[in-house]
Amino acid sequence: MTSYASSRDLTFILGGARSGKSAHAEQLAAASGMAVTYVATARIGDPEFAERVAHHRARRPVGWSLLEAPLDLAGALRSVDREGHCVLIDCLTLWLANLLCPADGSAPPAAPQEALGAFLAALAGARGKIIVVSNEIGLGVVPLGSVTRLYVDELGRLNQRVAAASTRATMMVAGLPLALKG
């Protein structure tokens, strides 16, 4: 595993689906007292998911900036990161899915190592307050299908790397934050 320097202020929020991780991350960003840029990684593919995104949008303060980054998360982070600014990235789970399942239906790459490495390097060089949200999906059985196994494996490795670089890590369970680090 590659080692990356810890960001000055990197908070990592993990949890399962509907665990409260995004709402918790948003509360932390709002409590920072800083200007906030919300970096959204979602690609809207159906009406139900559009409703989920609309719910997230409605919950965010009007004054927050929004940057959509379904693929170039490293570039997005570098473009908005600065001292005295908070960047909330929601979420690594969807970003990795976008990388492994291209919108045009083409075959996924064997492993998105270049994009992952660029993102981890951008985190390591961050100057502002960074809050990163991701799902913890590795608590179940080994999935069937090579693409699904690749996804679970890559997300697990990415989560480990972000957690190692973070100054704080929190696991959300049933809306309750459980401190893992910091």
N, C-alpha and C. Protein backbone atom coordinates (compact mmCIF):
# COMPACT_ATOMS: atom_id res chain seq x y z
N MET A 1 0.84 -1.17 0.00
CA MET A 1 0.00 0.00 0.00
C MET A 1 0.89 1.24 0.00
N THR A 2 0.55 2.20 -0.86
CA THR A 2 1.27 3.45 -0.92
C THR A 2 0.91 4.31 0.27
N SER A 3 1.88 4.98 0.82
CA SER A 3 1.64 5.87 1.96
C SER A 3 1.51 7.30 1.47
N TYR A 4 0.55 8.02 1.99
CA TYR A 4 0.34 9.41 1.63
C TYR A 4 0.37 10.25 2.89
N ALA A 5 0.94 11.43 2.78
CA ALA A 5 1.00 12.33 3.93
C ALA A 5 -0.41 12.72 4.36
N SER A 6 -0.59 12.92 5.62
CA SER A 6 -1.90 13.28 6.14
C SER A 6 -2.22 14.74 5.85
N SER A 7 -3.44 14.99 5.43
CA SER A 7 -3.91 16.36 5.24
C SER A 7 -3.94 17.04 6.60
N ARG A 8 -3.82 18.35 6.60
CA ARG A 8 -3.90 19.09 7.86
C ARG A 8 -5.23 18.86 8.55
N ASP A 9 -6.30 18.75 7.77
CA ASP A 9 -7.63 18.62 8.34
C ASP A 9 -8.50 17.77 7.42
N LEU A 10 -8.36 16.46 7.54
CA LEU A 10 -9.10 15.53 6.69
C LEU A 10 -9.98 14.64 7.56
N THR A 11 -11.29 14.76 7.36
CA THR A 11 -12.26 13.94 8.09
C THR A 11 -12.86 12.95 7.11
N PHE A 12 -12.89 11.69 7.51
CA PHE A 12 -13.43 10.62 6.67
C PHE A 12 -14.67 10.06 7.35
N ILE A 13 -15.79 10.06 6.65
CA ILE A 13 -17.07 9.58 7.18
C ILE A 13 -17.48 8.35 6.38
N LEU A 14 -17.59 7.22 7.07
CA LEU A 14 -17.99 5.94 6.45
C LEU A 14 -19.34 5.50 7.01
N GLY A 15 -20.03 4.67 6.24
CA GLY A 15 -21.26 4.09 6.74
C GLY A 15 -21.96 3.32 5.64
N GLY A 16 -22.98 2.62 6.02
CA GLY A 16 -23.78 1.90 5.04
C GLY A 16 -24.82 2.81 4.42
N ALA A 17 -25.62 2.23 3.54
CA ALA A 17 -26.71 2.99 2.91
C ALA A 17 -27.67 3.47 4.00
N ARG A 18 -28.06 4.72 3.90
CA ARG A 18 -29.01 5.35 4.83
C ARG A 18 -28.54 5.31 6.29
N SER A 19 -27.24 5.39 6.47
CA SER A 19 -26.68 5.40 7.83
C SER A 19 -26.63 6.79 8.43
N GLY A 20 -26.81 7.83 7.61
CA GLY A 20 -26.71 9.20 8.09
C GLY A 20 -25.37 9.84 7.80
N LYS A 21 -24.55 9.18 6.98
CA LYS A 21 -23.19 9.68 6.75
C LYS A 21 -23.18 11.03 6.03
N SER A 22 -24.01 11.21 5.02
CA SER A 22 -24.01 12.49 4.30
C SER A 22 -24.52 13.62 5.19
N ALA A 23 -25.60 13.37 5.92
CA ALA A 23 -26.14 14.40 6.81
C ALA A 23 -25.11 14.78 7.88
N HIS A 24 -24.41 13.80 8.41
CA HIS A 24 -23.38 14.08 9.42
C HIS A 24 -22.25 14.92 8.81
N ALA A 25 -21.82 14.54 7.61
CA ALA A 25 -20.76 15.30 6.94
C ALA A 25 -21.20 16.74 6.69
N GLU A 26 -22.45 16.91 6.29
CA GLU A 26 -22.98 18.25 6.05
C GLU A 26 -23.03 19.06 7.33
N GLN A 27 -23.37 18.43 8.45
CA GLN A 27 -23.38 19.12 9.74
C GLN A 27 -21.98 19.58 10.12
N LEU A 28 -20.99 18.71 9.89
CA LEU A 28 -19.60 19.08 10.18
C LEU A 28 -19.15 20.25 9.32
N ALA A 29 -19.50 20.22 8.05
CA ALA A 29 -19.12 21.30 7.14
C ALA A 29 -19.77 22.61 7.58
N ALA A 30 -21.04 22.57 7.90
CA ALA A 30 -21.75 23.78 8.34
C ALA A 30 -21.16 24.31 9.64
N ALA A 31 -20.79 23.42 10.56
CA ALA A 31 -20.23 23.83 11.85
C ALA A 31 -18.82 24.39 11.72
N SER A 32 -18.16 24.18 10.58
CA SER A 32 -16.80 24.68 10.41
C SER A 32 -16.73 26.20 10.39
N GLY A 33 -17.84 26.85 10.03
CA GLY A 33 -17.85 28.30 9.93
C GLY A 33 -17.14 28.82 8.69
N MET A 34 -16.70 27.91 7.83
CA MET A 34 -15.97 28.28 6.61
C MET A 34 -16.93 28.29 5.41
N ALA A 35 -16.49 28.93 4.34
CA ALA A 35 -17.19 28.77 3.07
C ALA A 35 -17.04 27.31 2.67
N VAL A 36 -18.10 26.73 2.09
CA VAL A 36 -18.11 25.30 1.76
C VAL A 36 -18.34 25.09 0.27
N THR A 37 -17.55 24.19 -0.29
CA THR A 37 -17.82 23.69 -1.64
C THR A 37 -18.18 22.23 -1.51
N TYR A 38 -19.34 21.88 -2.03
CA TYR A 38 -19.83 20.51 -2.03
C TYR A 38 -19.45 19.91 -3.37
N VAL A 39 -18.61 18.88 -3.33
CA VAL A 39 -18.20 18.20 -4.55
C VAL A 39 -19.04 16.93 -4.67
N ALA A 40 -19.92 16.92 -5.66
CA ALA A 40 -20.84 15.80 -5.87
C ALA A 40 -20.28 14.89 -6.96
N THR A 41 -20.25 13.60 -6.66
CA THR A 41 -19.70 12.64 -7.63
C THR A 41 -20.77 11.86 -8.37
N ALA A 42 -22.03 12.04 -8.01
CA ALA A 42 -23.12 11.24 -8.58
C ALA A 42 -23.32 11.52 -10.06
N ARG A 43 -23.70 10.47 -10.74
CA ARG A 43 -24.16 10.52 -12.13
C ARG A 43 -25.61 10.07 -12.07
N ILE A 44 -26.54 10.94 -12.44
CA ILE A 44 -27.96 10.60 -12.33
C ILE A 44 -28.35 9.74 -13.52
N GLY A 45 -28.84 8.51 -13.20
CA GLY A 45 -29.15 7.57 -14.26
C GLY A 45 -30.62 7.18 -14.35
N ASP A 46 -31.42 7.52 -13.34
CA ASP A 46 -32.83 7.14 -13.37
C ASP A 46 -33.63 8.08 -12.46
N PRO A 47 -34.95 8.09 -12.59
CA PRO A 47 -35.78 9.03 -11.80
C PRO A 47 -35.66 8.84 -10.28
N GLU A 48 -35.55 7.60 -9.82
CA GLU A 48 -35.43 7.37 -8.38
C GLU A 48 -34.15 7.97 -7.84
N PHE A 49 -33.06 7.82 -8.59
CA PHE A 49 -31.79 8.38 -8.13
C PHE A 49 -31.84 9.91 -8.21
N ALA A 50 -32.52 10.44 -9.19
CA ALA A 50 -32.70 11.90 -9.29
C ALA A 50 -33.41 12.43 -8.05
N GLU A 51 -34.36 11.68 -7.52
CA GLU A 51 -35.05 12.08 -6.29
C GLU A 51 -34.09 12.09 -5.11
N ARG A 52 -33.21 11.10 -5.03
CA ARG A 52 -32.21 11.06 -3.96
C ARG A 52 -31.31 12.29 -4.02
N VAL A 53 -30.87 12.62 -5.22
CA VAL A 53 -30.00 13.79 -5.40
C VAL A 53 -30.76 15.06 -5.02
N ALA A 54 -32.02 15.16 -5.41
CA ALA A 54 -32.83 16.33 -5.07
C ALA A 54 -32.97 16.48 -3.56
N HIS A 55 -33.11 15.37 -2.85
CA HIS A 55 -33.19 15.40 -1.38
C HIS A 55 -31.90 15.97 -0.79
N HIS A 56 -30.76 15.53 -1.31
CA HIS A 56 -29.46 16.03 -0.85
C HIS A 56 -29.35 17.53 -1.13
N ARG A 57 -29.74 17.94 -2.33
CA ARG A 57 -29.66 19.36 -2.70
C ARG A 57 -30.51 20.21 -1.78
N ALA A 58 -31.73 19.76 -1.49
CA ALA A 58 -32.66 20.52 -0.65
C ALA A 58 -32.13 20.70 0.77
N ARG A 59 -31.34 19.75 1.23
CA ARG A 59 -30.82 19.77 2.60
C ARG A 59 -29.63 20.72 2.75
N ARG A 60 -28.93 21.01 1.65
CA ARG A 60 -27.72 21.84 1.72
C ARG A 60 -28.04 23.32 1.85
N PRO A 61 -27.24 24.06 2.61
CA PRO A 61 -27.42 25.51 2.69
C PRO A 61 -27.26 26.18 1.32
N VAL A 62 -28.04 27.22 1.10
CA VAL A 62 -28.05 27.93 -0.18
C VAL A 62 -26.68 28.52 -0.51
N GLY A 63 -25.94 28.96 0.49
CA GLY A 63 -24.66 29.62 0.25
C GLY A 63 -23.51 28.71 -0.14
N TRP A 64 -23.70 27.42 -0.09
CA TRP A 64 -22.62 26.51 -0.46
C TRP A 64 -22.45 26.47 -1.97
N SER A 65 -21.21 26.38 -2.40
CA SER A 65 -20.92 26.18 -3.82
C SER A 65 -21.05 24.70 -4.14
N LEU A 66 -21.35 24.41 -5.39
CA LEU A 66 -21.47 23.02 -5.85
C LEU A 66 -20.54 22.82 -7.04
N LEU A 67 -19.82 21.72 -7.00
CA LEU A 67 -18.99 21.32 -8.12
C LEU A 67 -19.29 19.85 -8.39
N GLU A 68 -19.73 19.55 -9.60
CA GLU A 68 -20.00 18.15 -9.96
C GLU A 68 -18.75 17.55 -10.56
N ALA A 69 -18.35 16.41 -10.02
CA ALA A 69 -17.11 15.76 -10.45
C ALA A 69 -17.31 14.25 -10.50
N PRO A 70 -18.03 13.76 -11.51
CA PRO A 70 -18.26 12.31 -11.57
C PRO A 70 -17.02 11.49 -11.92
N LEU A 71 -16.00 12.11 -12.53
CA LEU A 71 -14.80 11.36 -12.92
C LEU A 71 -13.50 11.97 -12.42
N ASP A 72 -13.27 13.26 -12.62
CA ASP A 72 -11.99 13.89 -12.26
C ASP A 72 -12.06 14.47 -10.86
N LEU A 73 -12.09 13.62 -9.87
CA LEU A 73 -12.19 14.07 -8.48
C LEU A 73 -10.92 14.77 -8.03
N ALA A 74 -9.77 14.30 -8.47
CA ALA A 74 -8.50 14.95 -8.10
C ALA A 74 -8.47 16.38 -8.63
N GLY A 75 -8.83 16.56 -9.88
CA GLY A 75 -8.84 17.90 -10.47
C GLY A 75 -9.84 18.81 -9.78
N ALA A 76 -11.01 18.26 -9.44
CA ALA A 76 -12.03 19.04 -8.74
C ALA A 76 -11.52 19.49 -7.38
N LEU A 77 -10.91 18.59 -6.63
CA LEU A 77 -10.40 18.94 -5.31
C LEU A 77 -9.32 20.01 -5.42
N ARG A 78 -8.39 19.83 -6.34
CA ARG A 78 -7.33 20.83 -6.50
C ARG A 78 -7.89 22.20 -6.90
N SER A 79 -8.97 22.21 -7.66
CA SER A 79 -9.51 23.49 -8.14
C SER A 79 -10.22 24.29 -7.06
N VAL A 80 -10.73 23.65 -6.02
CA VAL A 80 -11.49 24.37 -4.99
C VAL A 80 -10.79 24.42 -3.64
N ASP A 81 -9.76 23.63 -3.44
CA ASP A 81 -9.07 23.59 -2.15
C ASP A 81 -8.27 24.86 -1.91
N ARG A 82 -8.41 25.40 -0.72
CA ARG A 82 -7.60 26.54 -0.30
C ARG A 82 -7.71 26.67 1.22
N GLU A 83 -6.75 27.33 1.83
CA GLU A 83 -6.78 27.53 3.27
C GLU A 83 -8.05 28.28 3.66
N GLY A 84 -8.61 27.91 4.80
CA GLY A 84 -9.80 28.58 5.31
C GLY A 84 -11.08 28.23 4.58
N HIS A 85 -11.04 27.16 3.78
CA HIS A 85 -12.19 26.74 3.00
C HIS A 85 -12.48 25.27 3.30
N CYS A 86 -13.74 24.90 3.31
CA CYS A 86 -14.14 23.52 3.55
C CYS A 86 -14.63 22.89 2.26
N VAL A 87 -14.13 21.71 1.96
CA VAL A 87 -14.56 20.94 0.79
C VAL A 87 -15.19 19.65 1.29
N LEU A 88 -16.44 19.42 0.92
CA LEU A 88 -17.14 18.18 1.29
C LEU A 88 -17.30 17.35 0.02
N ILE A 89 -16.71 16.17 0.01
CA ILE A 89 -16.78 15.27 -1.14
C ILE A 89 -17.76 14.15 -0.82
N ASP A 90 -18.83 14.07 -1.60
CA ASP A 90 -19.87 13.06 -1.38
C ASP A 90 -20.22 12.44 -2.73
N CYS A 91 -19.81 11.23 -3.01
CA CYS A 91 -19.07 10.31 -2.18
C CYS A 91 -18.11 9.49 -3.03
N LEU A 92 -17.15 8.84 -2.36
CA LEU A 92 -16.18 8.00 -3.07
C LEU A 92 -16.84 6.78 -3.70
N THR A 93 -17.90 6.30 -3.09
CA THR A 93 -18.59 5.10 -3.57
C THR A 93 -19.11 5.30 -4.99
N LEU A 94 -19.80 6.42 -5.21
CA LEU A 94 -20.35 6.71 -6.54
C LEU A 94 -19.24 7.05 -7.53
N TRP A 95 -18.22 7.77 -7.05
CA TRP A 95 -17.10 8.12 -7.93
C TRP A 95 -16.42 6.86 -8.47
N LEU A 96 -16.16 5.91 -7.59
CA LEU A 96 -15.52 4.67 -8.04
C LEU A 96 -16.43 3.90 -8.99
N ALA A 97 -17.73 3.89 -8.71
CA ALA A 97 -18.68 3.23 -9.62
C ALA A 97 -18.64 3.89 -11.00
N ASN A 98 -18.52 5.21 -11.04
CA ASN A 98 -18.43 5.92 -12.32
C ASN A 98 -17.18 5.51 -13.08
N LEU A 99 -16.07 5.35 -12.35
CA LEU A 99 -14.82 4.95 -12.99
C LEU A 99 -14.89 3.52 -13.53
N LEU A 100 -15.49 2.63 -12.74
CA LEU A 100 -15.52 1.21 -13.12
C LEU A 100 -16.67 0.85 -14.06
N CYS A 101 -17.69 1.69 -14.11
CA CYS A 101 -18.86 1.43 -14.96
C CYS A 101 -19.12 2.65 -15.83
N PRO A 102 -18.35 2.82 -16.90
CA PRO A 102 -18.48 4.01 -17.74
C PRO A 102 -19.92 4.21 -18.25
N ALA A 103 -20.33 5.48 -18.34
CA ALA A 103 -21.69 5.83 -18.75
C ALA A 103 -22.03 5.31 -20.15
N ASP A 104 -21.01 5.16 -20.99
CA ASP A 104 -21.26 4.69 -22.36
C ASP A 104 -21.41 3.18 -22.45
N GLY A 105 -21.33 2.50 -21.30
CA GLY A 105 -21.51 1.05 -21.28
C GLY A 105 -20.28 0.27 -21.69
N SER A 106 -19.18 0.94 -21.93
CA SER A 106 -17.96 0.23 -22.31
C SER A 106 -17.44 -0.58 -21.12
N ALA A 107 -16.53 -1.49 -21.40
CA ALA A 107 -15.97 -2.33 -20.35
C ALA A 107 -15.18 -1.49 -19.36
N PRO A 108 -15.26 -1.84 -18.07
CA PRO A 108 -14.49 -1.09 -17.08
C PRO A 108 -13.00 -1.38 -17.21
N PRO A 109 -12.18 -0.44 -16.77
CA PRO A 109 -10.73 -0.71 -16.78
C PRO A 109 -10.42 -1.80 -15.76
N ALA A 110 -9.28 -2.43 -15.91
CA ALA A 110 -8.88 -3.49 -14.97
C ALA A 110 -8.82 -2.95 -13.55
N ALA A 111 -8.30 -1.76 -13.39
CA ALA A 111 -8.24 -1.09 -12.09
C ALA A 111 -7.97 0.39 -12.35
N PRO A 112 -8.65 1.26 -11.67
CA PRO A 112 -8.52 2.70 -11.92
C PRO A 112 -7.37 3.33 -11.14
N GLN A 113 -6.22 2.70 -11.16
CA GLN A 113 -5.11 3.12 -10.29
C GLN A 113 -4.65 4.55 -10.53
N GLU A 114 -4.63 5.00 -11.78
CA GLU A 114 -4.16 6.35 -12.06
C GLU A 114 -5.08 7.39 -11.41
N ALA A 115 -6.40 7.24 -11.56
CA ALA A 115 -7.35 8.19 -10.97
C ALA A 115 -7.30 8.12 -9.45
N LEU A 116 -7.20 6.92 -8.90
CA LEU A 116 -7.12 6.77 -7.45
C LEU A 116 -5.86 7.42 -6.89
N GLY A 117 -4.74 7.18 -7.54
CA GLY A 117 -3.48 7.78 -7.10
C GLY A 117 -3.51 9.29 -7.17
N ALA A 118 -4.10 9.84 -8.24
CA ALA A 118 -4.20 11.29 -8.38
C ALA A 118 -5.07 11.88 -7.28
N PHE A 119 -6.17 11.21 -6.95
CA PHE A 119 -7.04 11.70 -5.88
C PHE A 119 -6.32 11.67 -4.53
N LEU A 120 -5.65 10.57 -4.23
CA LEU A 120 -4.93 10.47 -2.95
C LEU A 120 -3.82 11.51 -2.86
N ALA A 121 -3.16 11.81 -3.97
CA ALA A 121 -2.13 12.85 -3.97
C ALA A 121 -2.76 14.22 -3.74
N ALA A 122 -3.93 14.47 -4.33
CA ALA A 122 -4.62 15.74 -4.12
C ALA A 122 -5.03 15.89 -2.65
N LEU A 123 -5.48 14.80 -2.04
CA LEU A 123 -5.81 14.84 -0.61
C LEU A 123 -4.56 15.16 0.22
N ALA A 124 -3.46 14.52 -0.11
CA ALA A 124 -2.22 14.73 0.64
C ALA A 124 -1.75 16.16 0.57
N GLY A 125 -2.02 16.84 -0.54
CA GLY A 125 -1.58 18.21 -0.71
C GLY A 125 -2.63 19.25 -0.31
N ALA A 126 -3.76 18.81 0.21
CA ALA A 126 -4.86 19.73 0.54
C ALA A 126 -4.45 20.70 1.63
N ARG A 127 -4.94 21.94 1.49
CA ARG A 127 -4.63 23.00 2.45
C ARG A 127 -5.83 23.37 3.31
N GLY A 128 -7.03 23.08 2.85
CA GLY A 128 -8.24 23.44 3.59
C GLY A 128 -8.76 22.30 4.42
N LYS A 129 -9.97 22.49 4.92
CA LYS A 129 -10.66 21.43 5.66
C LYS A 129 -11.35 20.55 4.62
N ILE A 130 -11.06 19.25 4.66
CA ILE A 130 -11.63 18.32 3.70
C ILE A 130 -12.45 17.28 4.45
N ILE A 131 -13.68 17.06 3.98
CA ILE A 131 -14.56 16.03 4.53
C ILE A 131 -14.91 15.09 3.39
N VAL A 132 -14.62 13.82 3.55
CA VAL A 132 -14.85 12.82 2.51
C VAL A 132 -15.84 11.78 3.02
N VAL A 133 -16.84 11.48 2.20
CA VAL A 133 -17.88 10.50 2.53
C VAL A 133 -17.70 9.26 1.65
N SER A 134 -17.87 8.09 2.25
CA SER A 134 -17.82 6.85 1.48
C SER A 134 -18.67 5.79 2.17
N ASN A 135 -19.07 4.80 1.41
CA ASN A 135 -19.80 3.67 1.97
C ASN A 135 -18.83 2.60 2.44
N GLU A 136 -19.21 1.94 3.51
CA GLU A 136 -18.49 0.73 3.94
C GLU A 136 -19.32 -0.43 3.44
N ILE A 137 -18.81 -1.10 2.41
CA ILE A 137 -19.58 -2.19 1.81
C ILE A 137 -18.90 -3.54 1.99
N GLY A 138 -17.83 -3.58 2.75
CA GLY A 138 -17.06 -4.80 2.90
C GLY A 138 -17.45 -5.67 4.08
N LEU A 139 -18.63 -5.47 4.64
CA LEU A 139 -19.02 -6.24 5.81
C LEU A 139 -19.80 -7.51 5.48
N GLY A 140 -20.05 -7.72 4.20
CA GLY A 140 -20.84 -8.88 3.80
C GLY A 140 -19.99 -9.98 3.21
N VAL A 141 -20.64 -10.84 2.46
CA VAL A 141 -19.96 -11.96 1.82
C VAL A 141 -19.21 -11.50 0.59
N VAL A 142 -18.31 -12.31 0.09
CA VAL A 142 -17.61 -12.01 -1.16
C VAL A 142 -18.65 -12.06 -2.28
N PRO A 143 -18.80 -10.98 -3.05
CA PRO A 143 -19.85 -10.93 -4.06
C PRO A 143 -19.57 -11.84 -5.26
N LEU A 144 -20.66 -12.22 -5.91
CA LEU A 144 -20.55 -12.98 -7.15
C LEU A 144 -20.24 -12.03 -8.28
N GLY A 145 -19.52 -12.47 -9.27
CA GLY A 145 -19.22 -11.66 -10.44
C GLY A 145 -17.93 -10.90 -10.31
N SER A 146 -17.12 -10.95 -11.35
CA SER A 146 -15.79 -10.34 -11.29
C SER A 146 -15.85 -8.82 -11.20
N VAL A 147 -16.80 -8.16 -11.87
CA VAL A 147 -16.88 -6.71 -11.81
C VAL A 147 -17.27 -6.25 -10.41
N THR A 148 -18.21 -6.95 -9.79
CA THR A 148 -18.62 -6.60 -8.43
C THR A 148 -17.49 -6.84 -7.44
N ARG A 149 -16.78 -7.94 -7.59
CA ARG A 149 -15.63 -8.20 -6.70
C ARG A 149 -14.56 -7.13 -6.88
N LEU A 150 -14.29 -6.73 -8.13
CA LEU A 150 -13.31 -5.67 -8.39
C LEU A 150 -13.75 -4.39 -7.68
N TYR A 151 -15.03 -4.05 -7.78
CA TYR A 151 -15.55 -2.84 -7.16
C TYR A 151 -15.39 -2.88 -5.64
N VAL A 152 -15.80 -3.98 -5.02
CA VAL A 152 -15.69 -4.11 -3.56
C VAL A 152 -14.22 -4.05 -3.13
N ASP A 153 -13.36 -4.74 -3.85
CA ASP A 153 -11.93 -4.74 -3.52
C ASP A 153 -11.33 -3.34 -3.64
N GLU A 154 -11.61 -2.66 -4.76
CA GLU A 154 -11.04 -1.32 -4.98
C GLU A 154 -11.59 -0.31 -3.98
N LEU A 155 -12.88 -0.38 -3.66
CA LEU A 155 -13.44 0.55 -2.68
C LEU A 155 -12.84 0.28 -1.30
N GLY A 156 -12.68 -0.98 -0.95
CA GLY A 156 -12.06 -1.31 0.35
C GLY A 156 -10.65 -0.76 0.44
N ARG A 157 -9.86 -0.92 -0.61
CA ARG A 157 -8.49 -0.40 -0.61
C ARG A 157 -8.48 1.13 -0.55
N LEU A 158 -9.37 1.77 -1.34
CA LEU A 158 -9.46 3.23 -1.33
C LEU A 158 -9.86 3.73 0.06
N ASN A 159 -10.87 3.12 0.66
CA ASN A 159 -11.29 3.52 2.00
C ASN A 159 -10.14 3.39 3.00
N GLN A 160 -9.38 2.32 2.91
CA GLN A 160 -8.25 2.14 3.82
C GLN A 160 -7.22 3.25 3.65
N ARG A 161 -6.95 3.62 2.41
CA ARG A 161 -5.95 4.66 2.16
C ARG A 161 -6.43 6.02 2.65
N VAL A 162 -7.70 6.34 2.41
CA VAL A 162 -8.22 7.62 2.88
C VAL A 162 -8.26 7.64 4.41
N ALA A 163 -8.65 6.54 5.02
CA ALA A 163 -8.67 6.47 6.48
C ALA A 163 -7.27 6.64 7.06
N ALA A 164 -6.28 6.03 6.43
CA ALA A 164 -4.90 6.16 6.91
C ALA A 164 -4.42 7.61 6.81
N ALA A 165 -4.83 8.33 5.78
CA ALA A 165 -4.41 9.72 5.59
C ALA A 165 -5.21 10.70 6.42
N SER A 166 -6.35 10.27 6.93
CA SER A 166 -7.24 11.19 7.64
C SER A 166 -6.76 11.51 9.04
N THR A 167 -7.18 12.68 9.52
CA THR A 167 -6.91 13.05 10.90
C THR A 167 -8.04 12.57 11.81
N ARG A 168 -9.23 12.41 11.22
CA ARG A 168 -10.40 11.89 11.93
C ARG A 168 -11.15 10.95 10.99
N ALA A 169 -11.68 9.86 11.56
CA ALA A 169 -12.53 8.94 10.80
C ALA A 169 -13.71 8.56 11.68
N THR A 170 -14.89 8.56 11.09
CA THR A 170 -16.12 8.26 11.81
C THR A 170 -16.92 7.24 11.03
N MET A 171 -17.46 6.27 11.72
CA MET A 171 -18.35 5.27 11.12
C MET A 171 -19.76 5.62 11.58
N MET A 172 -20.67 5.79 10.64
CA MET A 172 -22.06 6.08 10.96
C MET A 172 -22.86 4.79 10.96
N VAL A 173 -23.60 4.58 12.04
CA VAL A 173 -24.47 3.42 12.17
C VAL A 173 -25.80 3.92 12.74
N ALA A 174 -26.89 3.72 12.00
CA ALA A 174 -28.22 4.12 12.44
C ALA A 174 -28.27 5.58 12.88
N GLY A 175 -27.56 6.43 12.14
CA GLY A 175 -27.55 7.86 12.44
C GLY A 175 -26.64 8.27 13.58
N LEU A 176 -25.91 7.32 14.13
CA LEU A 176 -25.02 7.63 15.26
C LEU A 176 -23.56 7.60 14.81
N PRO A 177 -22.78 8.64 15.12
CA PRO A 177 -21.37 8.66 14.75
C PRO A 177 -20.52 7.88 15.76
N LEU A 178 -19.75 6.96 15.24
CA LEU A 178 -18.82 6.19 16.07
C LEU A 178 -17.40 6.59 15.69
N ALA A 179 -16.67 7.19 16.60
CA ALA A 179 -15.31 7.65 16.30
C ALA A 179 -14.39 6.45 16.09
N LEU A 180 -13.70 6.44 14.95
CA LEU A 180 -12.72 5.40 14.67
C LEU A 180 -11.30 5.92 14.84
N LYS A 181 -11.14 7.22 14.60
CA LYS A 181 -9.80 7.82 14.63
C LYS A 181 -9.93 9.29 14.96
N GLY A 182 -9.04 9.78 15.81
CA GLY A 182 -8.97 11.22 16.10
C GLY A 182 -9.90 11.71 17.12
